[in-house]
Amino acid sequence: MTRITVDVNDEWLDAAREALGTDTKVATINAALRIFAQRKQAAEIVAAFDSVQMDFDDSDQAWGYGGGRDLSRLAENARDTAAA
């Protein structure tokens, strides 16, 4: 673990502490850094999935044992949700 001294905007720190539900300054800063890193990783995962062409046509018939879920509008619905 790295120990640093840094000047932090008190209003932003208090707002982050309230939003994150943390008790200390250290916990707040660590939680905020963790969340930021997780968002970056999530964006990379989404970009990887978005770069692969997927064909969900007839997915409701493709699964064994009498069919499955209709995923033909999955990508379209995801983009609609992201745009909102």
N, C-alpha and C. Protein backbone atom coordinates (compact mmCIF):
# COMPACT_ATOMS: atom_id res chain seq x y z
N MET A 1 0.85 -1.17 0.00
CA MET A 1 0.00 0.00 0.00
C MET A 1 0.89 1.23 0.00
N THR A 2 0.50 2.24 -0.74
CA THR A 2 1.26 3.48 -0.84
C THR A 2 0.69 4.51 0.12
N ARG A 3 1.58 5.18 0.82
CA ARG A 3 1.16 6.27 1.70
C ARG A 3 1.52 7.58 1.02
N ILE A 4 0.51 8.47 0.87
CA ILE A 4 0.74 9.76 0.23
C ILE A 4 0.08 10.85 1.05
N THR A 5 0.56 12.04 0.83
CA THR A 5 -0.06 13.23 1.40
C THR A 5 -0.63 14.02 0.24
N VAL A 6 -1.92 14.35 0.33
CA VAL A 6 -2.56 15.02 -0.78
C VAL A 6 -3.61 15.99 -0.23
N ASP A 7 -3.74 17.13 -0.90
CA ASP A 7 -4.80 18.08 -0.55
C ASP A 7 -6.06 17.68 -1.30
N VAL A 8 -7.16 17.55 -0.56
CA VAL A 8 -8.42 17.10 -1.14
C VAL A 8 -9.50 18.14 -0.85
N ASN A 9 -10.33 18.40 -1.84
CA ASN A 9 -11.45 19.31 -1.68
C ASN A 9 -12.42 18.71 -0.65
N ASP A 10 -12.61 19.42 0.46
CA ASP A 10 -13.44 18.90 1.55
C ASP A 10 -14.90 18.68 1.15
N GLU A 11 -15.44 19.55 0.32
CA GLU A 11 -16.83 19.39 -0.10
C GLU A 11 -16.99 18.13 -0.95
N TRP A 12 -16.05 17.90 -1.86
CA TRP A 12 -16.11 16.70 -2.70
C TRP A 12 -15.93 15.44 -1.85
N LEU A 13 -15.02 15.52 -0.89
CA LEU A 13 -14.78 14.37 -0.02
C LEU A 13 -16.02 14.05 0.80
N ASP A 14 -16.66 15.07 1.36
CA ASP A 14 -17.88 14.86 2.13
C ASP A 14 -19.00 14.31 1.26
N ALA A 15 -19.12 14.82 0.03
CA ALA A 15 -20.14 14.32 -0.89
C ALA A 15 -19.87 12.86 -1.25
N ALA A 16 -18.62 12.53 -1.49
CA ALA A 16 -18.26 11.15 -1.81
C ALA A 16 -18.50 10.24 -0.62
N ARG A 17 -18.17 10.71 0.56
CA ARG A 17 -18.39 9.91 1.77
C ARG A 17 -19.87 9.61 1.95
N GLU A 18 -20.69 10.60 1.72
CA GLU A 18 -22.14 10.40 1.85
C GLU A 18 -22.66 9.43 0.78
N ALA A 19 -22.20 9.61 -0.45
CA ALA A 19 -22.66 8.76 -1.55
C ALA A 19 -22.19 7.31 -1.38
N LEU A 20 -20.99 7.14 -0.88
CA LEU A 20 -20.41 5.81 -0.75
C LEU A 20 -20.75 5.14 0.58
N GLY A 21 -21.18 5.93 1.54
CA GLY A 21 -21.51 5.38 2.85
C GLY A 21 -20.28 4.96 3.65
N THR A 22 -19.16 5.62 3.42
CA THR A 22 -17.93 5.28 4.13
C THR A 22 -17.80 6.13 5.39
N ASP A 23 -16.96 5.64 6.31
CA ASP A 23 -16.83 6.31 7.61
C ASP A 23 -15.60 7.20 7.74
N THR A 24 -14.57 6.91 6.97
CA THR A 24 -13.33 7.66 7.11
C THR A 24 -12.89 8.23 5.77
N LYS A 25 -11.96 9.18 5.84
CA LYS A 25 -11.42 9.77 4.62
C LYS A 25 -10.68 8.71 3.81
N VAL A 26 -9.90 7.89 4.49
CA VAL A 26 -9.13 6.85 3.80
C VAL A 26 -10.07 5.87 3.10
N ALA A 27 -11.11 5.43 3.81
CA ALA A 27 -12.07 4.50 3.21
C ALA A 27 -12.78 5.14 2.02
N THR A 28 -13.09 6.41 2.12
CA THR A 28 -13.78 7.11 1.04
C THR A 28 -12.90 7.20 -0.20
N ILE A 29 -11.67 7.59 -0.02
CA ILE A 29 -10.74 7.72 -1.14
C ILE A 29 -10.49 6.35 -1.78
N ASN A 30 -10.27 5.32 -0.96
CA ASN A 30 -10.03 3.98 -1.49
C ASN A 30 -11.26 3.46 -2.23
N ALA A 31 -12.45 3.69 -1.70
CA ALA A 31 -13.68 3.23 -2.36
C ALA A 31 -13.86 3.95 -3.70
N ALA A 32 -13.61 5.25 -3.71
CA ALA A 32 -13.76 6.02 -4.95
C ALA A 32 -12.76 5.53 -6.01
N LEU A 33 -11.53 5.27 -5.61
CA LEU A 33 -10.53 4.77 -6.55
C LEU A 33 -10.91 3.39 -7.06
N ARG A 34 -11.41 2.51 -6.17
CA ARG A 34 -11.83 1.17 -6.58
C ARG A 34 -12.97 1.25 -7.59
N ILE A 35 -13.96 2.09 -7.32
CA ILE A 35 -15.10 2.23 -8.22
C ILE A 35 -14.66 2.76 -9.57
N PHE A 36 -13.77 3.74 -9.58
CA PHE A 36 -13.28 4.29 -10.83
C PHE A 36 -12.57 3.21 -11.64
N ALA A 37 -11.73 2.41 -10.98
CA ALA A 37 -11.01 1.34 -11.67
C ALA A 37 -11.99 0.28 -12.20
N GLN A 38 -13.02 -0.05 -11.42
CA GLN A 38 -14.01 -1.03 -11.86
C GLN A 38 -14.80 -0.52 -13.06
N ARG A 39 -15.12 0.74 -13.08
CA ARG A 39 -15.83 1.32 -14.23
C ARG A 39 -14.99 1.22 -15.49
N LYS A 40 -13.70 1.47 -15.36
CA LYS A 40 -12.81 1.36 -16.52
C LYS A 40 -12.77 -0.08 -17.01
N GLN A 41 -12.64 -1.02 -16.09
CA GLN A 41 -12.62 -2.44 -16.47
C GLN A 41 -13.95 -2.84 -17.12
N ALA A 42 -15.05 -2.38 -16.56
CA ALA A 42 -16.37 -2.69 -17.13
C ALA A 42 -16.49 -2.14 -18.54
N ALA A 43 -16.00 -0.93 -18.75
CA ALA A 43 -16.06 -0.33 -20.09
C ALA A 43 -15.22 -1.14 -21.08
N GLU A 44 -14.09 -1.65 -20.63
CA GLU A 44 -13.25 -2.48 -21.50
C GLU A 44 -13.95 -3.80 -21.84
N ILE A 45 -14.64 -4.38 -20.88
CA ILE A 45 -15.38 -5.63 -21.11
C ILE A 45 -16.51 -5.39 -22.09
N VAL A 46 -17.25 -4.31 -21.89
CA VAL A 46 -18.35 -3.98 -22.81
C VAL A 46 -17.82 -3.74 -24.21
N ALA A 47 -16.69 -3.03 -24.33
CA ALA A 47 -16.10 -2.78 -25.64
C ALA A 47 -15.68 -4.09 -26.31
N ALA A 48 -15.17 -5.02 -25.52
CA ALA A 48 -14.77 -6.32 -26.08
C ALA A 48 -15.99 -7.07 -26.61
N PHE A 49 -17.07 -7.09 -25.84
CA PHE A 49 -18.29 -7.75 -26.30
C PHE A 49 -18.87 -7.03 -27.51
N ASP A 50 -18.79 -5.71 -27.51
CA ASP A 50 -19.35 -4.93 -28.61
C ASP A 50 -18.59 -5.14 -29.90
N SER A 51 -17.33 -5.57 -29.80
CA SER A 51 -16.52 -5.76 -31.00
C SER A 51 -16.77 -7.13 -31.64
N VAL A 52 -17.54 -7.98 -31.01
CA VAL A 52 -17.82 -9.32 -31.52
C VAL A 52 -19.23 -9.34 -32.09
N GLN A 53 -19.34 -9.80 -33.33
CA GLN A 53 -20.65 -9.92 -33.95
C GLN A 53 -21.36 -11.14 -33.38
N MET A 54 -22.55 -10.95 -32.86
CA MET A 54 -23.33 -12.05 -32.31
C MET A 54 -24.64 -12.18 -33.06
N ASP A 55 -25.02 -13.41 -33.31
CA ASP A 55 -26.25 -13.68 -34.03
C ASP A 55 -27.21 -14.41 -33.10
N PHE A 56 -28.25 -13.71 -32.67
CA PHE A 56 -29.24 -14.29 -31.76
C PHE A 56 -30.52 -14.69 -32.48
N ASP A 57 -30.51 -14.64 -33.81
CA ASP A 57 -31.70 -15.04 -34.56
C ASP A 57 -32.06 -16.49 -34.23
N ASP A 58 -33.31 -16.74 -34.08
CA ASP A 58 -33.82 -18.08 -33.77
C ASP A 58 -33.27 -18.65 -32.46
N SER A 59 -32.83 -17.78 -31.56
CA SER A 59 -32.30 -18.26 -30.28
C SER A 59 -33.36 -18.97 -29.46
N ASP A 60 -34.61 -18.59 -29.66
CA ASP A 60 -35.67 -19.24 -28.89
C ASP A 60 -35.84 -20.70 -29.31
N GLN A 61 -35.38 -21.05 -30.50
CA GLN A 61 -35.47 -22.44 -30.97
C GLN A 61 -34.13 -23.18 -30.86
N ALA A 62 -33.06 -22.45 -30.62
CA ALA A 62 -31.73 -23.04 -30.67
C ALA A 62 -31.38 -23.85 -29.43
N TRP A 63 -31.97 -23.56 -28.32
CA TRP A 63 -31.65 -24.26 -27.08
C TRP A 63 -32.31 -25.63 -27.07
N GLY A 64 -31.68 -26.56 -26.44
CA GLY A 64 -32.24 -27.90 -26.33
C GLY A 64 -33.46 -27.94 -25.43
N TYR A 65 -34.10 -29.06 -25.39
CA TYR A 65 -35.25 -29.28 -24.51
C TYR A 65 -36.40 -28.34 -24.81
N GLY A 66 -36.72 -28.15 -26.06
CA GLY A 66 -37.92 -27.41 -26.41
C GLY A 66 -37.76 -25.91 -26.54
N GLY A 67 -36.57 -25.44 -26.76
CA GLY A 67 -36.39 -24.01 -27.01
C GLY A 67 -35.83 -23.28 -25.81
N GLY A 68 -35.62 -22.00 -25.99
CA GLY A 68 -35.03 -21.18 -24.94
C GLY A 68 -35.58 -19.78 -24.98
N ARG A 69 -34.73 -18.84 -24.72
CA ARG A 69 -35.13 -17.43 -24.71
C ARG A 69 -34.94 -16.80 -26.07
N ASP A 70 -35.82 -15.87 -26.39
CA ASP A 70 -35.69 -15.12 -27.63
C ASP A 70 -34.74 -13.95 -27.36
N LEU A 71 -33.55 -14.04 -27.86
CA LEU A 71 -32.52 -13.02 -27.64
C LEU A 71 -32.30 -12.15 -28.87
N SER A 72 -33.19 -12.25 -29.85
CA SER A 72 -32.98 -11.56 -31.11
C SER A 72 -32.93 -10.05 -30.97
N ARG A 73 -33.55 -9.47 -29.95
CA ARG A 73 -33.53 -8.02 -29.76
C ARG A 73 -32.60 -7.59 -28.64
N LEU A 74 -31.76 -8.51 -28.16
CA LEU A 74 -30.89 -8.23 -27.02
C LEU A 74 -29.97 -7.04 -27.26
N ALA A 75 -29.25 -7.05 -28.37
CA ALA A 75 -28.30 -5.97 -28.66
C ALA A 75 -29.04 -4.65 -28.86
N GLU A 76 -30.15 -4.69 -29.56
CA GLU A 76 -30.93 -3.46 -29.79
C GLU A 76 -31.45 -2.90 -28.48
N ASN A 77 -31.96 -3.75 -27.61
CA ASN A 77 -32.46 -3.30 -26.31
C ASN A 77 -31.35 -2.73 -25.45
N ALA A 78 -30.17 -3.33 -25.50
CA ALA A 78 -29.04 -2.83 -24.72
C ALA A 78 -28.63 -1.45 -25.20
N ARG A 79 -28.61 -1.24 -26.51
CA ARG A 79 -28.24 0.07 -27.04
C ARG A 79 -29.30 1.11 -26.69
N ASP A 80 -30.59 0.71 -26.73
CA ASP A 80 -31.67 1.63 -26.36
C ASP A 80 -31.56 2.06 -24.91
N THR A 81 -31.21 1.10 -24.03
CA THR A 81 -31.05 1.39 -22.61
C THR A 81 -29.85 2.31 -22.39
N ALA A 82 -28.76 2.06 -23.09
CA ALA A 82 -27.55 2.88 -22.94
C ALA A 82 -27.78 4.29 -23.44
N ALA A 83 -28.60 4.46 -24.45
CA ALA A 83 -28.86 5.79 -25.02
C ALA A 83 -29.76 6.62 -24.11
N ALA A 84 -30.55 5.96 -23.30
CA ALA A 84 -31.51 6.67 -22.44
C ALA A 84 -30.86 7.35 -21.29
